[in-house]
Amino acid sequence: MKNLLFALLLTIVSAAVDAQPKATFVSDALSKWKGMKSYTLAVAQAMPEEKYLYKPTPDEMTFVHQLVHMAGNMYFLSAKLIRGIDPPVDIKALLEKADQNITKKEAMEIISRAFDYTEETIAQMTEKKLEEELDYWGGHSTKRKIVFLLNDHQTHHRGQLIVYLRLNGVKPPSYIGW
């Protein structure tokens, strides 16, 4: 009788565990994306506004230009490649304005909205949509790989921004991974 009760209990517990929602690529990507947004905004906040036009060498982008470039990339990849539509903002105009008239507050709003737009884009994805194939500058890809590219591009430029902070004696915020 004990063995029968134990088997019944084990079956019930196993069914309950199986009924729990399982993580999907989209849910994992959204979780990671929210952490990236928080971390990027913390990095942007750490730099004093008077240093937003700082660049370590003449060939580098300014701090603010890096942020706007990151936003433009999110809009381009999310809109053009994943959604198949034109970006909702004029990326070229944003980049031209980046080193002239964008305040720290505006830059943070620009990148925050780009993160939100990309989050909405990822949230709309299904497994079927993630596997859709496309040509990206002559290279074969899937929309899933574009999500990886979005992550990689943000990490690349945020790493540069952290160096900019250190070169200006600003302690970078603690890492936010998830």
N, C-alpha and C. Protein backbone atom coordinates (compact mmCIF):
# COMPACT_ATOMS: atom_id res chain seq x y z
N MET A 1 0.82 -1.19 0.00
CA MET A 1 0.00 0.00 0.00
C MET A 1 0.87 1.27 0.00
N LYS A 2 1.94 1.21 0.81
CA LYS A 2 2.85 2.37 0.86
C LYS A 2 3.46 2.64 -0.51
N ASN A 3 3.84 1.58 -1.20
CA ASN A 3 4.43 1.73 -2.53
C ASN A 3 3.43 2.33 -3.51
N LEU A 4 2.18 1.95 -3.41
CA LEU A 4 1.14 2.48 -4.28
C LEU A 4 0.91 3.96 -3.99
N LEU A 5 0.86 4.35 -2.73
CA LEU A 5 0.71 5.76 -2.35
C LEU A 5 1.91 6.58 -2.81
N PHE A 6 3.09 6.02 -2.63
CA PHE A 6 4.31 6.72 -3.06
C PHE A 6 4.30 6.92 -4.57
N ALA A 7 3.93 5.90 -5.31
CA ALA A 7 3.87 5.99 -6.77
C ALA A 7 2.83 7.02 -7.20
N LEU A 8 1.68 7.05 -6.53
CA LEU A 8 0.64 8.02 -6.83
C LEU A 8 1.13 9.44 -6.54
N LEU A 9 1.76 9.63 -5.39
CA LEU A 9 2.31 10.94 -5.03
C LEU A 9 3.37 11.38 -6.03
N LEU A 10 4.24 10.47 -6.41
CA LEU A 10 5.29 10.78 -7.39
C LEU A 10 4.68 11.17 -8.73
N THR A 11 3.63 10.51 -9.13
CA THR A 11 2.95 10.84 -10.39
C THR A 11 2.33 12.23 -10.32
N ILE A 12 1.70 12.56 -9.19
CA ILE A 12 1.07 13.87 -9.03
C ILE A 12 2.13 14.97 -9.05
N VAL A 13 3.21 14.79 -8.32
CA VAL A 13 4.30 15.79 -8.28
C VAL A 13 4.92 15.94 -9.67
N SER A 14 5.14 14.85 -10.35
CA SER A 14 5.73 14.90 -11.69
C SER A 14 4.81 15.65 -12.66
N ALA A 15 3.51 15.40 -12.57
CA ALA A 15 2.55 16.10 -13.43
C ALA A 15 2.54 17.59 -13.13
N ALA A 16 2.64 17.94 -11.85
CA ALA A 16 2.65 19.36 -11.46
C ALA A 16 3.90 20.05 -11.99
N VAL A 17 5.03 19.39 -11.92
CA VAL A 17 6.27 19.96 -12.44
C VAL A 17 6.18 20.14 -13.95
N ASP A 18 5.64 19.13 -14.64
CA ASP A 18 5.49 19.22 -16.09
C ASP A 18 4.53 20.32 -16.50
N ALA A 19 3.57 20.65 -15.64
CA ALA A 19 2.57 21.67 -15.95
C ALA A 19 3.13 23.09 -15.80
N GLN A 20 4.27 23.21 -15.14
CA GLN A 20 4.88 24.53 -14.96
C GLN A 20 5.31 25.07 -16.33
N PRO A 21 5.15 26.39 -16.54
CA PRO A 21 5.58 26.94 -17.82
C PRO A 21 7.09 26.77 -18.01
N LYS A 22 7.45 26.33 -19.18
CA LYS A 22 8.86 26.12 -19.49
C LYS A 22 9.41 27.37 -20.17
N ALA A 23 10.67 27.64 -19.89
CA ALA A 23 11.33 28.77 -20.53
C ALA A 23 11.43 28.51 -22.03
N THR A 24 11.22 29.55 -22.79
CA THR A 24 11.38 29.47 -24.23
C THR A 24 12.51 30.41 -24.63
N PHE A 25 12.91 30.34 -25.87
CA PHE A 25 13.93 31.27 -26.36
C PHE A 25 13.45 32.71 -26.16
N VAL A 26 12.18 32.97 -26.47
CA VAL A 26 11.65 34.33 -26.35
C VAL A 26 11.64 34.78 -24.90
N SER A 27 11.18 33.94 -23.98
CA SER A 27 11.15 34.36 -22.57
C SER A 27 12.56 34.58 -22.04
N ASP A 28 13.50 33.74 -22.44
CA ASP A 28 14.90 33.94 -22.02
C ASP A 28 15.47 35.21 -22.62
N ALA A 29 15.18 35.45 -23.90
CA ALA A 29 15.69 36.66 -24.57
C ALA A 29 15.13 37.92 -23.92
N LEU A 30 13.85 37.89 -23.57
CA LEU A 30 13.24 39.06 -22.93
C LEU A 30 13.83 39.32 -21.55
N SER A 31 14.07 38.27 -20.81
CA SER A 31 14.68 38.42 -19.49
C SER A 31 16.07 39.04 -19.62
N LYS A 32 16.85 38.53 -20.55
CA LYS A 32 18.20 39.06 -20.79
C LYS A 32 18.12 40.51 -21.28
N TRP A 33 17.18 40.79 -22.16
CA TRP A 33 17.04 42.13 -22.74
C TRP A 33 16.75 43.17 -21.66
N LYS A 34 15.89 42.82 -20.71
CA LYS A 34 15.55 43.75 -19.62
C LYS A 34 16.78 44.05 -18.77
N GLY A 35 17.60 43.04 -18.53
CA GLY A 35 18.84 43.25 -17.79
C GLY A 35 19.81 44.13 -18.56
N MET A 36 19.89 43.92 -19.87
CA MET A 36 20.78 44.76 -20.70
C MET A 36 20.32 46.20 -20.68
N LYS A 37 19.02 46.42 -20.73
CA LYS A 37 18.51 47.79 -20.69
C LYS A 37 18.89 48.45 -19.37
N SER A 38 18.66 47.76 -18.27
CA SER A 38 18.99 48.32 -16.96
C SER A 38 20.47 48.66 -16.85
N TYR A 39 21.30 47.74 -17.32
CA TYR A 39 22.75 47.94 -17.23
C TYR A 39 23.20 49.09 -18.13
N THR A 40 22.69 49.15 -19.33
CA THR A 40 23.07 50.21 -20.26
C THR A 40 22.65 51.57 -19.73
N LEU A 41 21.44 51.66 -19.20
CA LEU A 41 20.98 52.93 -18.63
C LEU A 41 21.81 53.32 -17.41
N ALA A 42 22.24 52.36 -16.62
CA ALA A 42 23.10 52.65 -15.47
C ALA A 42 24.45 53.19 -15.94
N VAL A 43 24.98 52.62 -17.01
CA VAL A 43 26.25 53.11 -17.58
C VAL A 43 26.06 54.53 -18.10
N ALA A 44 24.97 54.76 -18.83
CA ALA A 44 24.70 56.10 -19.37
C ALA A 44 24.52 57.11 -18.25
N GLN A 45 23.87 56.71 -17.18
CA GLN A 45 23.64 57.60 -16.05
C GLN A 45 24.95 57.94 -15.33
N ALA A 46 25.86 57.00 -15.29
CA ALA A 46 27.12 57.19 -14.54
C ALA A 46 27.99 58.30 -15.13
N MET A 47 27.94 58.49 -16.44
CA MET A 47 28.80 59.50 -17.08
C MET A 47 28.21 60.89 -16.82
N PRO A 48 29.03 61.80 -16.28
CA PRO A 48 28.54 63.17 -16.11
C PRO A 48 28.19 63.78 -17.47
N GLU A 49 27.16 64.62 -17.48
CA GLU A 49 26.70 65.20 -18.75
C GLU A 49 27.81 65.97 -19.47
N GLU A 50 28.66 66.62 -18.73
CA GLU A 50 29.72 67.40 -19.38
C GLU A 50 30.74 66.51 -20.09
N LYS A 51 30.67 65.20 -19.86
CA LYS A 51 31.57 64.26 -20.53
C LYS A 51 30.88 63.49 -21.66
N TYR A 52 29.66 63.83 -21.97
CA TYR A 52 28.93 63.12 -23.02
C TYR A 52 29.55 63.30 -24.41
N LEU A 53 30.32 64.35 -24.61
CA LEU A 53 30.99 64.55 -25.90
C LEU A 53 32.42 64.03 -25.88
N TYR A 54 32.78 63.34 -24.81
CA TYR A 54 34.13 62.77 -24.70
C TYR A 54 34.32 61.62 -25.67
N LYS A 55 35.50 61.56 -26.27
CA LYS A 55 35.94 60.40 -27.03
C LYS A 55 37.44 60.25 -26.82
N PRO A 56 37.91 59.03 -26.64
CA PRO A 56 39.32 58.83 -26.28
C PRO A 56 40.31 59.14 -27.39
N THR A 57 39.89 58.99 -28.64
CA THR A 57 40.76 59.32 -29.77
C THR A 57 39.90 59.99 -30.84
N PRO A 58 40.52 60.72 -31.76
CA PRO A 58 39.73 61.38 -32.81
C PRO A 58 38.91 60.41 -33.67
N ASP A 59 39.37 59.18 -33.79
CA ASP A 59 38.66 58.20 -34.62
C ASP A 59 37.47 57.54 -33.93
N GLU A 60 37.35 57.72 -32.63
CA GLU A 60 36.27 57.09 -31.87
C GLU A 60 35.00 57.94 -31.90
N MET A 61 33.87 57.29 -31.61
CA MET A 61 32.62 58.02 -31.43
C MET A 61 32.62 58.64 -30.04
N THR A 62 31.88 59.74 -29.89
CA THR A 62 31.71 60.31 -28.56
C THR A 62 30.84 59.37 -27.72
N PHE A 63 30.82 59.61 -26.43
CA PHE A 63 29.99 58.81 -25.53
C PHE A 63 28.53 58.85 -25.98
N VAL A 64 28.02 60.05 -26.23
CA VAL A 64 26.62 60.19 -26.64
C VAL A 64 26.39 59.55 -28.01
N HIS A 65 27.34 59.67 -28.90
CA HIS A 65 27.18 59.07 -30.24
C HIS A 65 27.10 57.55 -30.12
N GLN A 66 27.89 56.98 -29.20
CA GLN A 66 27.82 55.53 -28.98
C GLN A 66 26.39 55.13 -28.58
N LEU A 67 25.81 55.88 -27.63
CA LEU A 67 24.46 55.57 -27.18
C LEU A 67 23.44 55.67 -28.31
N VAL A 68 23.53 56.73 -29.09
CA VAL A 68 22.58 56.92 -30.20
C VAL A 68 22.81 55.86 -31.28
N HIS A 69 24.07 55.51 -31.51
CA HIS A 69 24.39 54.44 -32.47
C HIS A 69 23.76 53.12 -32.01
N MET A 70 23.86 52.83 -30.72
CA MET A 70 23.26 51.61 -30.18
C MET A 70 21.75 51.62 -30.40
N ALA A 71 21.12 52.76 -30.14
CA ALA A 71 19.68 52.88 -30.35
C ALA A 71 19.33 52.68 -31.82
N GLY A 72 20.07 53.32 -32.70
CA GLY A 72 19.82 53.19 -34.13
C GLY A 72 19.92 51.75 -34.60
N ASN A 73 20.92 51.03 -34.08
CA ASN A 73 21.09 49.63 -34.44
C ASN A 73 19.89 48.80 -33.98
N MET A 74 19.41 49.08 -32.77
CA MET A 74 18.25 48.33 -32.27
C MET A 74 17.03 48.57 -33.17
N TYR A 75 16.81 49.85 -33.52
CA TYR A 75 15.67 50.15 -34.38
C TYR A 75 15.82 49.49 -35.75
N PHE A 76 17.02 49.57 -36.33
CA PHE A 76 17.22 48.99 -37.66
C PHE A 76 17.00 47.48 -37.65
N LEU A 77 17.69 46.78 -36.75
CA LEU A 77 17.58 45.33 -36.75
C LEU A 77 16.17 44.87 -36.38
N SER A 78 15.56 45.53 -35.39
CA SER A 78 14.22 45.13 -34.95
C SER A 78 13.17 45.41 -36.02
N ALA A 79 13.24 46.60 -36.61
CA ALA A 79 12.22 46.98 -37.60
C ALA A 79 12.49 46.32 -38.95
N LYS A 80 13.63 46.64 -39.52
CA LYS A 80 13.91 46.23 -40.90
C LYS A 80 14.05 44.71 -41.03
N LEU A 81 14.87 44.12 -40.18
CA LEU A 81 15.17 42.70 -40.37
C LEU A 81 14.18 41.76 -39.68
N ILE A 82 13.72 42.11 -38.50
CA ILE A 82 12.80 41.20 -37.82
C ILE A 82 11.35 41.47 -38.21
N ARG A 83 10.93 42.73 -38.15
CA ARG A 83 9.53 43.04 -38.47
C ARG A 83 9.29 43.21 -39.97
N GLY A 84 10.35 43.53 -40.73
CA GLY A 84 10.20 43.73 -42.16
C GLY A 84 9.56 45.05 -42.52
N ILE A 85 9.75 46.07 -41.67
CA ILE A 85 9.19 47.39 -41.91
C ILE A 85 10.28 48.45 -41.75
N ASP A 86 9.98 49.68 -42.14
CA ASP A 86 10.93 50.76 -41.92
C ASP A 86 10.98 51.11 -40.44
N PRO A 87 12.16 51.50 -39.95
CA PRO A 87 12.27 51.89 -38.54
C PRO A 87 11.33 53.05 -38.21
N PRO A 88 10.84 53.10 -36.98
CA PRO A 88 9.90 54.14 -36.58
C PRO A 88 10.55 55.51 -36.32
N VAL A 89 11.86 55.56 -36.40
CA VAL A 89 12.59 56.82 -36.22
C VAL A 89 13.56 57.00 -37.38
N ASP A 90 13.93 58.26 -37.63
CA ASP A 90 14.92 58.56 -38.66
C ASP A 90 16.31 58.40 -38.03
N ILE A 91 16.89 57.23 -38.21
CA ILE A 91 18.16 56.89 -37.58
C ILE A 91 19.27 57.82 -38.04
N LYS A 92 19.32 58.11 -39.32
CA LYS A 92 20.37 58.99 -39.84
C LYS A 92 20.29 60.38 -39.20
N ALA A 93 19.10 60.91 -39.06
CA ALA A 93 18.94 62.23 -38.43
C ALA A 93 19.37 62.20 -36.96
N LEU A 94 19.04 61.11 -36.27
CA LEU A 94 19.46 60.98 -34.88
C LEU A 94 20.99 60.98 -34.77
N LEU A 95 21.63 60.23 -35.63
CA LEU A 95 23.10 60.15 -35.59
C LEU A 95 23.74 61.49 -35.93
N GLU A 96 23.17 62.20 -36.88
CA GLU A 96 23.71 63.51 -37.24
C GLU A 96 23.58 64.50 -36.08
N LYS A 97 22.53 64.35 -35.32
CA LYS A 97 22.27 65.25 -34.19
C LYS A 97 23.06 64.85 -32.94
N ALA A 98 23.55 63.61 -32.91
CA ALA A 98 24.14 63.04 -31.70
C ALA A 98 25.22 63.91 -31.06
N ASP A 99 26.10 64.46 -31.85
CA ASP A 99 27.21 65.23 -31.28
C ASP A 99 26.93 66.72 -31.23
N GLN A 100 25.71 67.12 -31.48
CA GLN A 100 25.41 68.55 -31.50
C GLN A 100 24.42 68.96 -30.42
N ASN A 101 23.24 68.39 -30.45
CA ASN A 101 22.16 68.94 -29.62
C ASN A 101 21.47 67.94 -28.71
N ILE A 102 22.06 66.83 -28.41
CA ILE A 102 21.38 65.85 -27.58
C ILE A 102 21.93 65.91 -26.16
N THR A 103 21.06 66.17 -25.21
CA THR A 103 21.46 66.21 -23.81
C THR A 103 21.54 64.80 -23.25
N LYS A 104 22.08 64.68 -22.07
CA LYS A 104 22.15 63.38 -21.39
C LYS A 104 20.75 62.80 -21.23
N LYS A 105 19.82 63.62 -20.77
CA LYS A 105 18.45 63.17 -20.57
C LYS A 105 17.84 62.67 -21.88
N GLU A 106 18.04 63.42 -22.96
CA GLU A 106 17.49 63.02 -24.26
C GLU A 106 18.14 61.73 -24.75
N ALA A 107 19.45 61.61 -24.58
CA ALA A 107 20.15 60.40 -25.01
C ALA A 107 19.62 59.18 -24.26
N MET A 108 19.40 59.35 -22.97
CA MET A 108 18.88 58.23 -22.18
C MET A 108 17.45 57.88 -22.59
N GLU A 109 16.67 58.87 -22.95
CA GLU A 109 15.31 58.61 -23.44
C GLU A 109 15.35 57.90 -24.79
N ILE A 110 16.25 58.34 -25.66
CA ILE A 110 16.38 57.72 -26.99
C ILE A 110 16.73 56.24 -26.86
N ILE A 111 17.72 55.94 -26.05
CA ILE A 111 18.13 54.53 -25.94
C ILE A 111 17.11 53.71 -25.17
N SER A 112 16.46 54.31 -24.20
CA SER A 112 15.42 53.60 -23.45
C SER A 112 14.26 53.22 -24.37
N ARG A 113 13.83 54.15 -25.22
CA ARG A 113 12.74 53.85 -26.17
C ARG A 113 13.16 52.78 -27.18
N ALA A 114 14.42 52.80 -27.59
CA ALA A 114 14.91 51.78 -28.53
C ALA A 114 14.89 50.40 -27.87
N PHE A 115 15.32 50.34 -26.61
CA PHE A 115 15.24 49.07 -25.88
C PHE A 115 13.80 48.59 -25.80
N ASP A 116 12.87 49.52 -25.51
CA ASP A 116 11.45 49.15 -25.41
C ASP A 116 10.92 48.63 -26.74
N TYR A 117 11.29 49.30 -27.84
CA TYR A 117 10.84 48.88 -29.17
C TYR A 117 11.35 47.48 -29.48
N THR A 118 12.60 47.24 -29.16
CA THR A 118 13.18 45.92 -29.43
C THR A 118 12.54 44.86 -28.53
N GLU A 119 12.27 45.22 -27.29
CA GLU A 119 11.59 44.28 -26.39
C GLU A 119 10.22 43.90 -26.96
N GLU A 120 9.47 44.89 -27.45
CA GLU A 120 8.18 44.60 -28.08
C GLU A 120 8.35 43.69 -29.29
N THR A 121 9.40 43.92 -30.05
CA THR A 121 9.68 43.11 -31.24
C THR A 121 9.95 41.67 -30.85
N ILE A 122 10.81 41.48 -29.86
CA ILE A 122 11.15 40.12 -29.42
C ILE A 122 9.91 39.43 -28.84
N ALA A 123 9.11 40.17 -28.07
CA ALA A 123 7.92 39.59 -27.45
C ALA A 123 6.92 39.07 -28.48
N GLN A 124 6.94 39.62 -29.68
CA GLN A 124 6.01 39.20 -30.74
C GLN A 124 6.50 37.95 -31.49
N MET A 125 7.70 37.50 -31.18
CA MET A 125 8.27 36.39 -31.91
C MET A 125 7.67 35.05 -31.46
N THR A 126 7.58 34.15 -32.41
CA THR A 126 7.20 32.76 -32.13
C THR A 126 8.35 31.89 -32.63
N GLU A 127 8.32 30.63 -32.27
CA GLU A 127 9.38 29.72 -32.76
C GLU A 127 9.41 29.73 -34.30
N LYS A 128 8.23 29.76 -34.91
CA LYS A 128 8.16 29.76 -36.36
C LYS A 128 8.79 31.03 -36.94
N LYS A 129 8.46 32.19 -36.35
CA LYS A 129 9.02 33.45 -36.83
C LYS A 129 10.53 33.51 -36.62
N LEU A 130 11.00 32.96 -35.49
CA LEU A 130 12.44 32.98 -35.21
C LEU A 130 13.23 32.22 -36.27
N GLU A 131 12.63 31.23 -36.86
CA GLU A 131 13.32 30.41 -37.86
C GLU A 131 13.18 30.96 -39.28
N GLU A 132 12.41 32.04 -39.46
CA GLU A 132 12.29 32.63 -40.79
C GLU A 132 13.66 33.07 -41.28
N GLU A 133 13.92 32.79 -42.54
CA GLU A 133 15.23 33.07 -43.12
C GLU A 133 15.21 34.40 -43.86
N LEU A 134 16.36 35.04 -43.86
CA LEU A 134 16.51 36.30 -44.58
C LEU A 134 17.95 36.49 -45.01
N ASP A 135 18.14 37.38 -45.94
CA ASP A 135 19.49 37.75 -46.36
C ASP A 135 19.84 39.06 -45.69
N TYR A 136 20.96 39.07 -45.05
CA TYR A 136 21.42 40.26 -44.33
C TYR A 136 22.77 40.63 -44.89
N TRP A 137 22.79 41.66 -45.73
CA TRP A 137 24.01 42.14 -46.40
C TRP A 137 24.76 40.99 -47.08
N GLY A 138 23.98 40.19 -47.78
CA GLY A 138 24.57 39.10 -48.53
C GLY A 138 24.79 37.84 -47.72
N GLY A 139 24.55 37.88 -46.43
CA GLY A 139 24.73 36.70 -45.59
C GLY A 139 23.39 36.07 -45.28
N HIS A 140 23.39 34.76 -45.20
CA HIS A 140 22.17 34.03 -44.88
C HIS A 140 22.01 34.00 -43.37
N SER A 141 20.78 34.24 -42.89
CA SER A 141 20.55 34.29 -41.46
C SER A 141 19.11 33.89 -41.15
N THR A 142 18.84 33.74 -39.87
CA THR A 142 17.47 33.58 -39.39
C THR A 142 17.19 34.77 -38.47
N LYS A 143 15.93 34.98 -38.17
CA LYS A 143 15.58 36.06 -37.25
C LYS A 143 16.10 35.76 -35.85
N ARG A 144 16.22 34.51 -35.51
CA ARG A 144 16.82 34.13 -34.22
C ARG A 144 18.26 34.66 -34.14
N LYS A 145 19.00 34.51 -35.23
CA LYS A 145 20.39 35.01 -35.23
C LYS A 145 20.43 36.54 -35.13
N ILE A 146 19.41 37.20 -35.63
CA ILE A 146 19.36 38.66 -35.51
C ILE A 146 19.19 39.05 -34.03
N VAL A 147 18.43 38.25 -33.28
CA VAL A 147 18.30 38.51 -31.84
C VAL A 147 19.68 38.37 -31.17
N PHE A 148 20.44 37.35 -31.57
CA PHE A 148 21.80 37.21 -31.05
C PHE A 148 22.66 38.42 -31.44
N LEU A 149 22.51 38.88 -32.68
CA LEU A 149 23.26 40.04 -33.14
C LEU A 149 22.90 41.29 -32.33
N LEU A 150 21.63 41.47 -32.04
CA LEU A 150 21.21 42.60 -31.19
C LEU A 150 21.94 42.57 -29.85
N ASN A 151 21.99 41.40 -29.24
CA ASN A 151 22.68 41.25 -27.96
C ASN A 151 24.16 41.57 -28.10
N ASP A 152 24.78 41.00 -29.10
CA ASP A 152 26.22 41.16 -29.29
C ASP A 152 26.59 42.62 -29.54
N HIS A 153 25.82 43.30 -30.35
CA HIS A 153 26.11 44.70 -30.68
C HIS A 153 26.01 45.58 -29.44
N GLN A 154 24.98 45.35 -28.63
CA GLN A 154 24.82 46.14 -27.41
C GLN A 154 25.98 45.90 -26.44
N THR A 155 26.36 44.64 -26.30
CA THR A 155 27.46 44.30 -25.40
C THR A 155 28.76 44.95 -25.87
N HIS A 156 29.01 44.90 -27.16
CA HIS A 156 30.22 45.49 -27.74
C HIS A 156 30.33 46.98 -27.41
N HIS A 157 29.28 47.72 -27.68
CA HIS A 157 29.34 49.18 -27.47
C HIS A 157 29.24 49.56 -25.99
N ARG A 158 28.51 48.79 -25.21
CA ARG A 158 28.46 49.08 -23.78
C ARG A 158 29.84 48.87 -23.17
N GLY A 159 30.56 47.87 -23.66
CA GLY A 159 31.94 47.66 -23.20
C GLY A 159 32.81 48.87 -23.49
N GLN A 160 32.63 49.46 -24.67
CA GLN A 160 33.38 50.68 -25.00
C GLN A 160 33.00 51.81 -24.05
N LEU A 161 31.71 51.93 -23.75
CA LEU A 161 31.26 53.00 -22.85
C LEU A 161 31.87 52.85 -21.45
N ILE A 162 32.02 51.61 -21.02
CA ILE A 162 32.64 51.37 -19.71
C ILE A 162 34.09 51.84 -19.71
N VAL A 163 34.79 51.62 -20.82
CA VAL A 163 36.16 52.14 -20.92
C VAL A 163 36.15 53.67 -20.87
N TYR A 164 35.22 54.30 -21.56
CA TYR A 164 35.09 55.76 -21.52
C TYR A 164 34.90 56.24 -20.08
N LEU A 165 34.06 55.54 -19.32
CA LEU A 165 33.86 55.91 -17.92
C LEU A 165 35.19 55.84 -17.17
N ARG A 166 35.88 54.74 -17.29
CA ARG A 166 37.15 54.56 -16.57
C ARG A 166 38.18 55.60 -16.98
N LEU A 167 38.24 55.94 -18.25
CA LEU A 167 39.19 56.95 -18.71
C LEU A 167 38.89 58.33 -18.13
N ASN A 168 37.67 58.51 -17.66
CA ASN A 168 37.27 59.77 -17.04
C ASN A 168 37.18 59.68 -15.52
N GLY A 169 37.73 58.62 -14.96
CA GLY A 169 37.75 58.46 -13.51
C GLY A 169 36.41 58.14 -12.89
N VAL A 170 35.48 57.64 -13.71
CA VAL A 170 34.15 57.30 -13.22
C VAL A 170 34.08 55.79 -13.02
N LYS A 171 33.69 55.38 -11.82
CA LYS A 171 33.55 53.96 -11.54
C LYS A 171 32.30 53.44 -12.25
N PRO A 172 32.45 52.42 -13.09
CA PRO A 172 31.27 51.86 -13.77
C PRO A 172 30.31 51.22 -12.78
N PRO A 173 29.03 51.19 -13.11
CA PRO A 173 28.06 50.49 -12.25
C PRO A 173 28.35 49.00 -12.23
N SER A 174 27.88 48.34 -11.20
CA SER A 174 28.03 46.89 -11.10
C SER A 174 27.31 46.22 -12.25
N TYR A 175 27.87 45.12 -12.68
CA TYR A 175 27.32 44.36 -13.80
C TYR A 175 25.91 43.86 -13.49
N ILE A 176 25.04 44.00 -14.46
CA ILE A 176 23.69 43.43 -14.39
C ILE A 176 23.59 42.42 -15.53
N GLY A 177 23.56 41.15 -15.21
CA GLY A 177 23.57 40.12 -16.23
C GLY A 177 22.20 39.61 -16.62
N TRP A 178 21.28 39.59 -15.73
CA TRP A 178 19.95 39.07 -16.02
C TRP A 178 18.99 40.01 -15.49
